[in-house]
Amino acid sequence: MVGLRRHIGNGLSTRVWYDPWIAKTESRMVLSPLAGADDGLLVAELLNVEGSAWDMSKVRQFFHPFEHQRILNTRVGGNGEEDEWMWDLEKDGVYTVKSAYKALMGDYGIDEG
């Protein structure tokens, strides 16, 4: 669904390859193939020890170069914050009928590449 994605807090309830979580992309899904990685990998496993930022060595290990910046542009909540669903087409993350209509009409700029 266009606009719906997981907001990353601690990353413990968001699956890397099965949940939409990458900000400002059309599908919000990872496009890189599994390439030998665990298909049950959680986003938490891509974060630094504190859980407050992306671990670049892991991002480079699991994803194609075109996806590195997309992941780095996805904000991490950290500090024990839990993952939650959000509407990515509004600044406050709250779904509105107006934003859904605009999405259906193609009025939102979404990075498709």
C-alpha atoms as a PDB file:
ATOM      1  CA  MET A   1       0.000   0.000   0.000  1.00  0.00           C
ATOM      2  CA  VAL A   2       1.396   3.376  -0.963  1.00  0.00           C
ATOM      3  CA  GLY A   3       2.178   5.449   2.120  1.00  0.00           C
ATOM      4  CA  LEU A   4       1.965   2.801   4.828  1.00  0.00           C
ATOM      5  CA  ARG A   5       5.255   1.751   6.407  1.00  0.00           C
ATOM      6  CA  ARG A   6       6.938   0.790   9.637  1.00  0.00           C
ATOM      7  CA  HIS A   7       8.512   3.598  11.657  1.00  0.00           C
ATOM      8  CA  ILE A   8      11.725   2.146  13.068  1.00  0.00           C
ATOM      9  CA  GLY A   9      12.165   2.457  16.807  1.00  0.00           C
ATOM     10  CA  ASN A  10      14.318  -0.381  18.103  1.00  0.00           C
ATOM     11  CA  GLY A  11      13.831  -2.511  14.967  1.00  0.00           C
ATOM     12  CA  LEU A  12      12.782  -5.598  16.936  1.00  0.00           C
ATOM     13  CA  SER A  13       9.393  -6.085  15.269  1.00  0.00           C
ATOM     14  CA  THR A  14      10.218  -5.152  11.665  1.00  0.00           C
ATOM     15  CA  ARG A  15      11.448  -7.790   9.230  1.00  0.00           C
ATOM     16  CA  VAL A  16      13.996  -6.531   6.717  1.00  0.00           C
ATOM     17  CA  TRP A  17      12.713  -8.352   3.636  1.00  0.00           C
ATOM     18  CA  TYR A  18       8.991  -8.648   4.410  1.00  0.00           C
ATOM     19  CA  ASP A  19       7.852  -5.367   5.958  1.00  0.00           C
ATOM     20  CA  PRO A  20       7.668  -1.935   4.304  1.00  0.00           C
ATOM     21  CA  TRP A  21      10.092   0.268   6.271  1.00  0.00           C
ATOM     22  CA  ILE A  22      12.317   2.293   3.935  1.00  0.00           C
ATOM     23  CA  ALA A  23      11.264   5.950   3.942  1.00  0.00           C
ATOM     24  CA  LYS A  24      10.396   7.983   0.842  1.00  0.00           C
ATOM     25  CA  THR A  25      10.409   5.148  -1.686  1.00  0.00           C
ATOM     26  CA  GLU A  26       7.480   3.869  -3.719  1.00  0.00           C
ATOM     27  CA  SER A  27       7.259   0.367  -2.252  1.00  0.00           C
ATOM     28  CA  ARG A  28       8.953   1.082   1.116  1.00  0.00           C
ATOM     29  CA  MET A  29      10.404  -2.424   0.721  1.00  0.00           C
ATOM     30  CA  VAL A  30      13.995  -3.621   0.404  1.00  0.00           C
ATOM     31  CA  LEU A  31      14.786  -4.358  -3.237  1.00  0.00           C
ATOM     32  CA  SER A  32      18.155  -6.069  -2.752  1.00  0.00           C
ATOM     33  CA  PRO A  33      17.957  -9.874  -2.947  1.00  0.00           C
ATOM     34  CA  LEU A  34      18.546 -11.995   0.145  1.00  0.00           C
ATOM     35  CA  ALA A  35      22.021 -13.046  -1.124  1.00  0.00           C
ATOM     36  CA  GLY A  36      22.627 -15.628   1.572  1.00  0.00           C
ATOM     37  CA  ALA A  37      21.243 -13.519   4.429  1.00  0.00           C
ATOM     38  CA  ASP A  38      18.747 -14.887   6.926  1.00  0.00           C
ATOM     39  CA  ASP A  39      15.268 -14.220   5.545  1.00  0.00           C
ATOM     40  CA  GLY A  40      14.074 -13.625   9.117  1.00  0.00           C
ATOM     41  CA  LEU A  41      16.589 -10.798   9.665  1.00  0.00           C
ATOM     42  CA  LEU A  42      15.164  -7.993  11.797  1.00  0.00           C
ATOM     43  CA  VAL A  43      15.942  -4.315  11.263  1.00  0.00           C
ATOM     44  CA  ALA A  44      17.383  -4.273  14.806  1.00  0.00           C
ATOM     45  CA  GLU A  45      20.253  -6.414  13.509  1.00  0.00           C
ATOM     46  CA  LEU A  46      21.254  -3.587  11.148  1.00  0.00           C
ATOM     47  CA  LEU A  47      21.643  -1.027  13.947  1.00  0.00           C
ATOM     48  CA  ASN A  48      24.692  -0.145  16.028  1.00  0.00           C
ATOM     49  CA  VAL A  49      25.097  -1.556  19.551  1.00  0.00           C
ATOM     50  CA  GLU A  50      23.196   1.358  21.097  1.00  0.00           C
ATOM     51  CA  GLY A  51      20.367   0.928  18.569  1.00  0.00           C
ATOM     52  CA  SER A  52      20.529   4.622  17.750  1.00  0.00           C
ATOM     53  CA  ALA A  53      22.023   4.572  14.223  1.00  0.00           C
ATOM     54  CA  TRP A  54      22.637   2.310  11.247  1.00  0.00           C
ATOM     55  CA  ASP A  55      25.678   0.024  11.304  1.00  0.00           C
ATOM     56  CA  MET A  56      27.237   0.852   7.929  1.00  0.00           C
ATOM     57  CA  SER A  57      29.232  -2.381   7.721  1.00  0.00           C
ATOM     58  CA  LYS A  58      25.996  -4.367   7.976  1.00  0.00           C
ATOM     59  CA  VAL A  59      24.186  -2.120   5.510  1.00  0.00           C
ATOM     60  CA  ARG A  60      27.028  -2.641   3.020  1.00  0.00           C
ATOM     61  CA  GLN A  61      27.084  -6.389   3.713  1.00  0.00           C
ATOM     62  CA  PHE A  62      23.410  -7.061   3.007  1.00  0.00           C
ATOM     63  CA  PHE A  63      22.319  -4.459   0.445  1.00  0.00           C
ATOM     64  CA  HIS A  64      23.199  -3.287  -3.040  1.00  0.00           C
ATOM     65  CA  PRO A  65      24.889   0.143  -3.227  1.00  0.00           C
ATOM     66  CA  PHE A  66      21.780   1.859  -4.663  1.00  0.00           C
ATOM     67  CA  GLU A  67      19.946   1.014  -1.451  1.00  0.00           C
ATOM     68  CA  HIS A  68      22.563   2.245   1.068  1.00  0.00           C
ATOM     69  CA  GLN A  69      21.459   5.884   1.026  1.00  0.00           C
ATOM     70  CA  ARG A  70      17.774   4.952   1.140  1.00  0.00           C
ATOM     71  CA  ILE A  71      18.388   3.035   4.333  1.00  0.00           C
ATOM     72  CA  LEU A  72      20.545   5.785   5.849  1.00  0.00           C
ATOM     73  CA  ASN A  73      17.762   8.289   5.095  1.00  0.00           C
ATOM     74  CA  THR A  74      15.318   6.203   7.129  1.00  0.00           C
ATOM     75  CA  ARG A  75      15.204   7.621  10.647  1.00  0.00           C
ATOM     76  CA  VAL A  76      15.820   5.356  13.637  1.00  0.00           C
ATOM     77  CA  GLY A  77      13.984   6.082  16.876  1.00  0.00           C
ATOM     78  CA  GLY A  78      16.348   4.234  19.231  1.00  0.00           C
ATOM     79  CA  ASN A  79      16.192   4.671  23.017  1.00  0.00           C
ATOM     80  CA  GLY A  80      13.904   1.658  23.443  1.00  0.00           C
ATOM     81  CA  GLU A  81      11.206   3.118  21.202  1.00  0.00           C
ATOM     82  CA  GLU A  82       9.111   0.366  19.623  1.00  0.00           C
ATOM     83  CA  ASP A  83       8.454   0.048  15.888  1.00  0.00           C
ATOM     84  CA  GLU A  84       5.012   1.161  14.794  1.00  0.00           C
ATOM     85  CA  TRP A  85       2.914   1.595  11.674  1.00  0.00           C
ATOM     86  CA  MET A  86       2.782   5.075  10.188  1.00  0.00           C
ATOM     87  CA  TRP A  87       1.374   6.929   7.181  1.00  0.00           C
ATOM     88  CA  ASP A  88       4.494   8.152   5.392  1.00  0.00           C
ATOM     89  CA  LEU A  89       2.676  10.712   3.253  1.00  0.00           C
ATOM     90  CA  GLU A  90       2.005  13.095   6.145  1.00  0.00           C
ATOM     91  CA  LYS A  91       4.684  14.779   8.284  1.00  0.00           C
ATOM     92  CA  ASP A  92       3.022  13.648  11.504  1.00  0.00           C
ATOM     93  CA  GLY A  93       2.599  10.060  10.244  1.00  0.00           C
ATOM     94  CA  VAL A  94      -1.184  10.121  10.680  1.00  0.00           C
ATOM     95  CA  TYR A  95      -3.443   8.862   7.884  1.00  0.00           C
ATOM     96  CA  THR A  96      -5.968  11.281   6.404  1.00  0.00           C
ATOM     97  CA  VAL A  97      -8.537  10.746   3.664  1.00  0.00           C
ATOM     98  CA  LYS A  98      -7.127  13.799   1.890  1.00  0.00           C
ATOM     99  CA  SER A  99      -3.596  12.325   1.784  1.00  0.00           C
ATOM    100  CA  ALA A 100      -4.945   8.972   0.598  1.00  0.00           C
ATOM    101  CA  TYR A 101      -6.832  10.728  -2.201  1.00  0.00           C
ATOM    102  CA  LYS A 102      -3.704  12.652  -3.212  1.00  0.00           C
ATOM    103  CA  ALA A 103      -1.719   9.399  -3.236  1.00  0.00           C
ATOM    104  CA  LEU A 104      -4.301   7.709  -5.453  1.00  0.00           C
ATOM    105  CA  MET A 105      -4.259  10.688  -7.811  1.00  0.00           C
ATOM    106  CA  GLY A 106      -0.441  10.635  -7.966  1.00  0.00           C
ATOM    107  CA  ASP A 107       0.004  14.008  -6.262  1.00  0.00           C
ATOM    108  CA  TYR A 108       2.850  12.894  -3.990  1.00  0.00           C
ATOM    109  CA  GLY A 109       6.483  12.935  -5.083  1.00  0.00           C
ATOM    110  CA  ILE A 110       7.773   9.434  -4.363  1.00  0.00           C
ATOM    111  CA  ASP A 111      11.237   8.254  -5.307  1.00  0.00           C
ATOM    112  CA  GLU A 112      10.682   5.368  -7.700  1.00  0.00           C
ATOM    113  CA  GLY A 113      14.338   4.694  -8.447  1.00  0.00           C
END
